[in-house]
Amino acid sequence: MRVPLSWLAQYAPLADSVTAAEVARRLTGAGLEVETVEAVGHDIQGVVVGQVLDIEELTGFKKPIRYCGQLRRRRQGAVRPAGGGAARRLRDR
């Protein structure tokens, strides 16, 4: 069974400084078997989180094309996403 450290922290008090390896060592010491410890998401970079403010739909095609017309990034305010130009060119055909 896979157990994320964040989930385990909801049920057992864990200090912020404790590592997954330390938790595994303590669980093993308590008589539980820990098969493996996996680091997930440690190599993810360049992710931008934003709130979609406007969705535009192009309906003149076999399947409607929807794209984000405007979004708000956390620190930089409202912007148009980079991919919007291609969808606008399709709309103008």
Protein backbone atom coordinates (compact mmCIF):
# COMPACT_ATOMS: atom_id res chain seq x y z
CA MET A 1 0.00 0.00 0.00
CA ARG A 2 1.36 3.42 -0.94
CA VAL A 3 1.07 6.09 1.70
CA PRO A 4 1.99 9.72 0.91
CA LEU A 5 3.86 11.47 3.69
CA SER A 6 1.28 14.30 3.57
CA TRP A 7 -1.51 11.79 4.28
CA LEU A 8 0.42 10.21 7.13
CA ALA A 9 0.98 13.67 8.65
CA GLN A 10 -2.81 14.09 8.97
CA TYR A 11 -2.95 11.13 11.34
CA ALA A 12 0.39 11.31 13.15
CA PRO A 13 2.25 14.42 14.32
CA LEU A 14 5.34 14.89 12.14
CA ALA A 15 7.86 17.70 12.40
CA ASP A 16 8.42 19.67 9.20
CA SER A 17 12.08 18.69 9.24
CA VAL A 18 11.48 14.91 9.32
CA THR A 19 12.36 13.10 6.07
CA ALA A 20 10.59 10.19 4.42
CA ALA A 21 13.61 8.01 5.13
CA GLU A 22 13.37 8.83 8.84
CA VAL A 23 9.66 7.98 8.90
CA ALA A 24 10.42 4.68 7.15
CA ARG A 25 13.12 3.91 9.73
CA ARG A 26 10.72 4.63 12.59
CA LEU A 27 7.92 2.55 11.05
CA THR A 28 10.33 -0.36 10.59
CA GLY A 29 11.45 0.06 14.19
CA ALA A 30 7.80 -0.21 15.26
CA GLY A 31 7.51 -3.55 13.48
CA LEU A 32 5.91 -2.43 10.19
CA GLU A 33 7.40 -3.43 6.86
CA VAL A 34 8.46 -0.58 4.56
CA GLU A 35 9.18 -1.96 1.11
CA THR A 36 10.38 1.21 -0.59
CA VAL A 37 10.51 4.99 -0.23
CA GLU A 38 9.88 6.96 -3.43
CA ALA A 39 10.46 10.66 -4.03
CA VAL A 40 7.65 11.93 -6.26
CA GLY A 41 7.58 15.34 -7.92
CA HIS A 42 11.06 16.40 -6.83
CA ASP A 43 12.17 17.00 -10.43
CA ILE A 44 9.18 19.07 -11.61
CA GLN A 45 10.13 22.59 -12.71
CA GLY A 46 8.58 25.48 -14.58
CA VAL A 47 4.97 24.90 -13.56
CA VAL A 48 2.79 28.01 -13.62
CA VAL A 49 -0.51 27.92 -11.73
CA GLY A 50 -3.32 30.15 -12.89
CA GLN A 51 -7.07 30.70 -12.69
CA VAL A 52 -8.99 30.53 -15.97
CA LEU A 53 -10.98 33.76 -16.37
CA ASP A 54 -12.38 33.24 -19.86
CA ILE A 55 -12.88 30.25 -22.18
CA GLU A 56 -13.45 30.87 -25.88
CA GLU A 57 -15.08 28.28 -28.12
CA LEU A 58 -14.71 27.90 -31.87
CA THR A 59 -17.81 26.11 -33.20
CA GLY A 60 -17.28 26.08 -36.96
CA PHE A 61 -15.45 22.75 -36.88
CA LYS A 62 -16.38 19.06 -36.66
CA LYS A 63 -15.70 19.16 -32.92
CA PRO A 64 -15.79 22.45 -30.98
CA ILE A 65 -12.37 23.80 -30.04
CA ARG A 66 -12.14 25.39 -26.60
CA TYR A 67 -9.17 27.36 -25.43
CA CYS A 68 -8.31 29.58 -22.53
CA GLY A 69 -8.92 33.16 -23.59
CA GLN A 70 -7.57 34.80 -20.43
CA LEU A 71 -6.10 33.58 -17.18
CA ARG A 72 -4.79 35.10 -13.97
CA ARG A 73 -1.40 33.95 -12.78
CA ARG A 74 -0.74 34.05 -9.09
CA ARG A 75 1.72 36.95 -9.04
CA GLN A 76 1.44 38.62 -12.43
CA GLY A 77 -2.25 39.43 -12.88
CA ALA A 78 -4.41 38.68 -15.92
CA VAL A 79 -2.66 37.57 -19.13
CA ARG A 80 -3.46 35.91 -22.44
CA PRO A 81 -1.84 32.47 -22.73
CA ALA A 82 0.78 31.90 -25.44
CA GLY A 83 -1.33 29.33 -27.33
CA GLY A 84 -4.24 31.72 -27.91
CA GLY A 85 -2.83 33.07 -31.19
CA ALA A 86 -3.17 29.77 -33.03
CA ALA A 87 -6.80 29.43 -31.93
CA ARG A 88 -7.53 33.02 -33.01
CA ARG A 89 -6.10 32.26 -36.48
CA LEU A 90 -8.42 29.23 -36.72
CA ARG A 91 -11.39 31.39 -35.69
CA ASP A 92 -10.59 34.02 -38.34
CA ARG A 93 -10.60 31.52 -41.24
